[in-house]
PDB file of N, CA and C in Angstrom:
ATOM      1  N   UNK A   1      46.316  71.337  87.511  1.00  0.00           N
ATOM      2  CA  UNK A   1      46.595  69.977  88.302  1.00  0.00           C
ATOM      3  C   UNK A   1      47.836  69.479  87.434  1.00  0.00           C
ATOM      4  N   UNK A   2      48.611  68.911  88.313  1.00  0.00           N
ATOM      5  CA  UNK A   2      49.767  68.099  87.810  1.00  0.00           C
ATOM      6  C   UNK A   2      49.993  66.965  88.537  1.00  0.00           C
ATOM      7  N   UNK A   3      49.135  66.279  88.684  1.00  0.00           N
ATOM      8  CA  UNK A   3      48.844  64.648  89.114  1.00  0.00           C
ATOM      9  C   UNK A   3      47.655  64.018  89.338  1.00  0.00           C
ATOM     10  N   UNK A   4      47.309  62.922  88.696  1.00  0.00           N
ATOM     11  CA  UNK A   4      46.155  62.106  88.754  1.00  0.00           C
ATOM     12  C   UNK A   4      46.171  60.649  89.788  1.00  0.00           C
ATOM     13  N   UNK A   5      45.836  60.805  90.671  1.00  0.00           N
ATOM     14  CA  UNK A   5      45.924  59.323  91.190  1.00  0.00           C
ATOM     15  C   UNK A   5      45.126  58.458  90.733  1.00  0.00           C
ATOM     16  N   UNK A   6      45.466  57.062  90.923  1.00  0.00           N
ATOM     17  CA  UNK A   6      44.574  56.015  90.515  1.00  0.00           C
ATOM     18  C   UNK A   6      44.243  55.210  91.595  1.00  0.00           C
ATOM     19  N   UNK A   7      43.045  54.758  91.597  1.00  0.00           N
ATOM     20  CA  UNK A   7      42.345  53.849  92.628  1.00  0.00           C
ATOM     21  C   UNK A   7      43.404  52.425  92.726  1.00  0.00           C
ATOM     22  N   UNK A   8      44.146  51.971  91.590  1.00  0.00           N
ATOM     23  CA  UNK A   8      44.851  50.651  91.770  1.00  0.00           C
ATOM     24  C   UNK A   8      45.856  50.974  92.357  1.00  0.00           C
ATOM     25  N   UNK A   9      46.525  52.433  92.473  1.00  0.00           N
ATOM     26  CA  UNK A   9      47.846  52.497  93.406  1.00  0.00           C
ATOM     27  C   UNK A   9      47.353  53.436  94.525  1.00  0.00           C
ATOM     28  N   UNK A  10      46.475  53.390  94.989  1.00  0.00           N
ATOM     29  CA  UNK A  10      45.519  54.725  95.951  1.00  0.00           C
ATOM     30  C   UNK A  10      46.756  54.878  97.172  1.00  0.00           C
ATOM     31  N   UNK A  11      47.486  53.807  97.791  1.00  0.00           N
ATOM     32  CA  UNK A  11      48.009  53.934  98.968  1.00  0.00           C
ATOM     33  C   UNK A  11      49.467  54.897  98.150  1.00  0.00           C
ATOM     34  N   UNK A  12      50.003  54.331  97.373  1.00  0.00           N
ATOM     35  CA  UNK A  12      51.303  55.134  96.723  1.00  0.00           C
ATOM     36  C   UNK A  12      51.103  56.368  95.927  1.00  0.00           C
ATOM     37  N   UNK A  13      49.675  56.705  95.412  1.00  0.00           N
ATOM     38  CA  UNK A  13      49.314  57.710  95.182  1.00  0.00           C
ATOM     39  C   UNK A  13      49.557  58.713  96.454  1.00  0.00           C
ATOM     40  N   UNK A  14      48.601  58.232  97.286  1.00  0.00           N
ATOM     41  CA  UNK A  14      48.193  59.079  98.450  1.00  0.00           C
ATOM     42  C   UNK A  14      49.468  59.555  99.096  1.00  0.00           C
ATOM     43  N   UNK A  15      50.273  58.672  99.031  1.00  0.00           N
ATOM     44  CA  UNK A  15      51.674  58.939  99.850  1.00  0.00           C
ATOM     45  C   UNK A  15      52.464  60.124  98.996  1.00  0.00           C
ATOM     46  N   UNK A  16      52.151  59.877  98.103  1.00  0.00           N
ATOM     47  CA  UNK A  16      53.264  60.950  96.739  1.00  0.00           C
ATOM     48  C   UNK A  16      52.672  62.642  96.796  1.00  0.00           C
ATOM     49  N   UNK A  17      51.303  62.407  97.275  1.00  0.00           N
ATOM     50  CA  UNK A  17      50.466  63.880  97.308  1.00  0.00           C
ATOM     51  C   UNK A  17      51.088  64.188  98.683  1.00  0.00           C
ATOM     52  N   UNK A  18      51.194  63.302  99.771  1.00  0.00           N
ATOM     53  CA  UNK A  18      51.364  64.075 101.023  1.00  0.00           C
ATOM     54  C   UNK A  18      52.799  64.321 101.107  1.00  0.00           C
ATOM     55  N   UNK A  19      53.954  63.558 100.614  1.00  0.00           N
ATOM     56  CA  UNK A  19      55.259  64.121 100.379  1.00  0.00           C
ATOM     57  C   UNK A  19      55.435  65.290  99.733  1.00  0.00           C
ATOM     58  N   UNK A  20      54.471  65.598  98.358  1.00  0.00           N
ATOM     59  CA  UNK A  20      54.588  66.899  97.692  1.00  0.00           C
ATOM     60  C   UNK A  20      54.183  68.019  98.657  1.00  0.00           C
ATOM     61  N   UNK A  21      53.107  67.852  99.478  1.00  0.00           N
ATOM     62  CA  UNK A  21      52.512  68.655 100.660  1.00  0.00           C
ATOM     63  C   UNK A  21      53.603  68.942 101.853  1.00  0.00           C
ATOM     64  N   UNK A  22      54.341  68.176 102.000  1.00  0.00           N
ATOM     65  CA  UNK A  22      55.087  67.999 103.388  1.00  0.00           C
ATOM     66  C   UNK A  22      54.303  67.436 104.405  1.00  0.00           C
ATOM     67  N   UNK A  23      53.580  66.394 104.428  1.00  0.00           N
ATOM     68  CA  UNK A  23      52.443  66.165 105.200  1.00  0.00           C
ATOM     69  C   UNK A  23      53.368  64.937 105.488  1.00  0.00           C
ATOM     70  N   UNK A  24      53.501  64.590 106.970  1.00  0.00           N
ATOM     71  CA  UNK A  24      54.216  63.441 107.248  1.00  0.00           C
ATOM     72  C   UNK A  24      53.157  62.208 108.420  1.00  0.00           C
ATOM     73  N   UNK A  25      53.440  61.467 108.230  1.00  0.00           N
ATOM     74  CA  UNK A  25      52.497  60.198 109.015  1.00  0.00           C
ATOM     75  C   UNK A  25      50.932  60.353 108.827  1.00  0.00           C
ATOM     76  N   UNK A  26      50.601  60.240 107.721  1.00  0.00           N
ATOM     77  CA  UNK A  26      49.161  60.377 107.219  1.00  0.00           C
ATOM     78  C   UNK A  26      49.110  58.986 106.500  1.00  0.00           C
ATOM     79  N   UNK A  27      47.882  58.320 106.871  1.00  0.00           N
ATOM     80  CA  UNK A  27      47.460  57.180 105.933  1.00  0.00           C
ATOM     81  C   UNK A  27      45.897  56.883 106.091  1.00  0.00           C
ATOM     82  N   UNK A  28      45.427  56.466 104.771  1.00  0.00           N
ATOM     83  CA  UNK A  28      44.139  56.285 104.340  1.00  0.00           C
ATOM     84  C   UNK A  28      43.698  55.076 105.457  1.00  0.00           C
ATOM     85  N   UNK A  29      42.395  55.109 105.700  1.00  0.00           N
ATOM     86  CA  UNK A  29      41.829  54.252 106.478  1.00  0.00           C
ATOM     87  C   UNK A  29      41.310  53.095 105.606  1.00  0.00           C
ATOM     88  N   UNK A  30      41.172  51.941 106.010  1.00  0.00           N
ATOM     89  CA  UNK A  30      40.570  51.197 104.861  1.00  0.00           C
ATOM     90  C   UNK A  30      39.489  50.319 105.658  1.00  0.00           C
ATOM     91  N   UNK A  31      38.149  50.912 104.971  1.00  0.00           N
ATOM     92  CA  UNK A  31      36.805  50.993 105.548  1.00  0.00           C
ATOM     93  C   UNK A  31      36.218  49.481 105.537  1.00  0.00           C
ATOM     94  N   UNK A  32      36.255  49.184 103.838  1.00  0.00           N
ATOM     95  CA  UNK A  32      35.754  48.055 103.569  1.00  0.00           C
ATOM     96  C   UNK A  32      37.018  47.396 102.388  1.00  0.00           C
ATOM     97  N   UNK A  33      36.877  46.251 102.547  1.00  0.00           N
ATOM     98  CA  UNK A  33      38.129  45.444 101.336  1.00  0.00           C
ATOM     99  C   UNK A  33      37.421  45.063 100.571  1.00  0.00           C
ATOM    100  N   UNK A  34      37.778  45.094  99.275  1.00  0.00           N
ATOM    101  CA  UNK A  34      36.985  44.364  97.797  1.00  0.00           C
ATOM    102  C   UNK A  34      37.513  43.287  97.952  1.00  0.00           C
ATOM    103  N   UNK A  35      37.095  42.535  96.640  1.00  0.00           N
ATOM    104  CA  UNK A  35      36.902  41.086  96.349  1.00  0.00           C
ATOM    105  C   UNK A  35      38.307  40.733  95.877  1.00  0.00           C
ATOM    106  N   UNK A  36      38.749  41.758  95.190  1.00  0.00           N
ATOM    107  CA  UNK A  36      39.921  41.394  94.436  1.00  0.00           C
ATOM    108  C   UNK A  36      40.109  41.112  93.097  1.00  0.00           C
ATOM    109  N   UNK A  37      38.608  40.616  92.561  1.00  0.00           N
ATOM    110  CA  UNK A  37      38.342  40.589  91.489  1.00  0.00           C
ATOM    111  C   UNK A  37      38.416  41.498  90.442  1.00  0.00           C
ATOM    112  N   UNK A  38      38.489  41.139  89.117  1.00  0.00           N
ATOM    113  CA  UNK A  38      38.509  41.948  87.982  1.00  0.00           C
ATOM    114  C   UNK A  38      37.335  43.033  88.046  1.00  0.00           C
ATOM    115  N   UNK A  39      36.798  44.157  88.116  1.00  0.00           N
ATOM    116  CA  UNK A  39      35.859  44.590  88.111  1.00  0.00           C
ATOM    117  C   UNK A  39      35.096  44.460  86.722  1.00  0.00           C
ATOM    118  N   UNK A  40      35.833  44.100  85.603  1.00  0.00           N
ATOM    119  CA  UNK A  40      34.847  44.212  84.215  1.00  0.00           C
ATOM    120  C   UNK A  40      34.488  42.930  84.461  1.00  0.00           C
ATOM    121  N   UNK A  41      34.235  41.817  85.165  1.00  0.00           N
ATOM    122  CA  UNK A  41      33.888  40.294  85.402  1.00  0.00           C
ATOM    123  C   UNK A  41      32.461  40.479  85.806  1.00  0.00           C
ATOM    124  N   UNK A  42      32.152  41.833  86.419  1.00  0.00           N
ATOM    125  CA  UNK A  42      30.723  42.276  87.079  1.00  0.00           C
ATOM    126  C   UNK A  42      30.220  43.008  86.207  1.00  0.00           C
ATOM    127  N   UNK A  43      30.332  43.369  84.791  1.00  0.00           N
ATOM    128  CA  UNK A  43      29.753  44.119  83.904  1.00  0.00           C
ATOM    129  C   UNK A  43      28.942  43.170  82.880  1.00  0.00           C
ATOM    130  N   UNK A  44      27.995  43.366  82.749  1.00  0.00           N
ATOM    131  CA  UNK A  44      27.315  43.037  81.576  1.00  0.00           C
ATOM    132  C   UNK A  44      27.565  43.935  80.139  1.00  0.00           C
ATOM    133  N   UNK A  45      27.236  43.479  78.833  1.00  0.00           N
ATOM    134  CA  UNK A  45      27.689  44.084  78.119  1.00  0.00           C
ATOM    135  C   UNK A  45      26.914  45.477  77.577  1.00  0.00           C
ATOM    136  N   UNK A  46      25.580  45.557  78.170  1.00  0.00           N
ATOM    137  CA  UNK A  46      24.687  46.632  78.505  1.00  0.00           C
ATOM    138  C   UNK A  46      25.057  47.876  79.503  1.00  0.00           C
ATOM    139  N   UNK A  47      26.053  46.846  80.764  1.00  0.00           N
ATOM    140  CA  UNK A  47      26.476  48.072  81.600  1.00  0.00           C
ATOM    141  C   UNK A  47      27.576  48.595  81.092  1.00  0.00           C
ATOM    142  N   UNK A  48      28.816  47.645  79.851  1.00  0.00           N
ATOM    143  CA  UNK A  48      29.794  48.332  79.346  1.00  0.00           C
ATOM    144  C   UNK A  48      29.277  49.175  78.669  1.00  0.00           C
ATOM    145  N   UNK A  49      28.611  49.424  77.596  1.00  0.00           N
ATOM    146  CA  UNK A  49      28.326  50.544  76.883  1.00  0.00           C
ATOM    147  C   UNK A  49      27.563  51.708  77.679  1.00  0.00           C
ATOM    148  N   UNK A  50      26.817  51.302  78.676  1.00  0.00           N
ATOM    149  CA  UNK A  50      26.418  52.546  79.250  1.00  0.00           C
ATOM    150  C   UNK A  50      27.491  53.131  79.933  1.00  0.00           C
ATOM    151  N   UNK A  51      28.408  52.777  80.962  1.00  0.00           N
ATOM    152  CA  UNK A  51      29.472  53.288  81.473  1.00  0.00           C
ATOM    153  C   UNK A  51      30.679  54.141  80.420  1.00  0.00           C
ATOM    154  N   UNK A  52      30.721  53.070  79.255  1.00  0.00           N
ATOM    155  CA  UNK A  52      31.644  53.782  78.399  1.00  0.00           C
ATOM    156  C   UNK A  52      31.104  54.778  77.967  1.00  0.00           C
ATOM    157  N   UNK A  53      29.984  55.125  77.520  1.00  0.00           N
ATOM    158  CA  UNK A  53      29.069  56.317  76.624  1.00  0.00           C
ATOM    159  C   UNK A  53      29.349  57.525  77.749  1.00  0.00           C
ATOM    160  N   UNK A  54      29.097  57.224  79.009  1.00  0.00           N
ATOM    161  CA  UNK A  54      29.449  58.298  79.974  1.00  0.00           C
ATOM    162  C   UNK A  54      30.810  58.588  80.651  1.00  0.00           C
ATOM    163  N   UNK A  55      31.646  57.701  80.618  1.00  0.00           N
ATOM    164  CA  UNK A  55      32.975  58.253  80.963  1.00  0.00           C
ATOM    165  C   UNK A  55      34.031  57.901  80.110  1.00  0.00           C
ATOM    166  N   UNK A  56      33.361  58.113  78.664  1.00  0.00           N
ATOM    167  CA  UNK A  56      34.410  57.466  77.155  1.00  0.00           C
ATOM    168  C   UNK A  56      35.338  58.637  77.442  1.00  0.00           C
ATOM    169  N   UNK A  57      35.448  59.826  77.589  1.00  0.00           N
ATOM    170  CA  UNK A  57      36.607  61.056  77.781  1.00  0.00           C
ATOM    171  C   UNK A  57      37.627  60.470  78.893  1.00  0.00           C
ATOM    172  N   UNK A  58      37.247  60.004  80.326  1.00  0.00           N
ATOM    173  CA  UNK A  58      38.140  59.827  81.082  1.00  0.00           C
ATOM    174  C   UNK A  58      38.840  58.371  80.911  1.00  0.00           C
ATOM    175  N   UNK A  59      38.145  57.463  80.386  1.00  0.00           N
ATOM    176  CA  UNK A  59      38.547  56.480  79.912  1.00  0.00           C
ATOM    177  C   UNK A  59      39.620  56.209  78.996  1.00  0.00           C
ATOM    178  N   UNK A  60      39.617  57.037  77.885  1.00  0.00           N
ATOM    179  CA  UNK A  60      40.453  56.912  76.991  1.00  0.00           C
ATOM    180  C   UNK A  60      41.622  58.097  77.640  1.00  0.00           C
ATOM    181  N   UNK A  61      41.416  59.206  78.265  1.00  0.00           N
ATOM    182  CA  UNK A  61      42.648  59.657  78.723  1.00  0.00           C
ATOM    183  C   UNK A  61      43.609  59.091  79.924  1.00  0.00           C
ATOM    184  N   UNK A  62      42.893  58.196  80.505  1.00  0.00           N
ATOM    185  CA  UNK A  62      43.589  57.455  81.528  1.00  0.00           C
ATOM    186  C   UNK A  62      44.115  55.778  81.013  1.00  0.00           C
ATOM    187  N   UNK A  63      43.300  55.459  79.979  1.00  0.00           N
ATOM    188  CA  UNK A  63      44.083  54.421  79.360  1.00  0.00           C
ATOM    189  C   UNK A  63      43.268  53.147  80.004  1.00  0.00           C
ATOM    190  N   UNK A  64      42.175  52.930  80.513  1.00  0.00           N
ATOM    191  CA  UNK A  64      41.593  52.050  80.934  1.00  0.00           C
ATOM    192  C   UNK A  64      40.655  51.367  79.854  1.00  0.00           C
ATOM    193  N   UNK A  65      40.247  50.003  80.139  1.00  0.00           N
ATOM    194  CA  UNK A  65      39.386  49.204  78.815  1.00  0.00           C
ATOM    195  C   UNK A  65      38.642  48.399  79.395  1.00  0.00           C
ATOM    196  N   UNK A  66      37.303  48.082  78.806  1.00  0.00           N
ATOM    197  CA  UNK A  66      36.819  46.876  79.315  1.00  0.00           C
ATOM    198  C   UNK A  66      37.139  45.487  78.462  1.00  0.00           C
TER     199      UNK A  66
END
């Protein structure tokens, strides 16, 4: 694997992959729009601990934080 796309830049990252594969005129459909709010505001302290424990390696590798 030589590329990791991020949800925060999903459209641009999807286009990057399409370009690398030589695929043209593809787009991702938007089925549901989000609220645009910071996901961390929805987490309780307990939820942060649970998610942090389960996804500790990914959070560290990808530079996410709570």
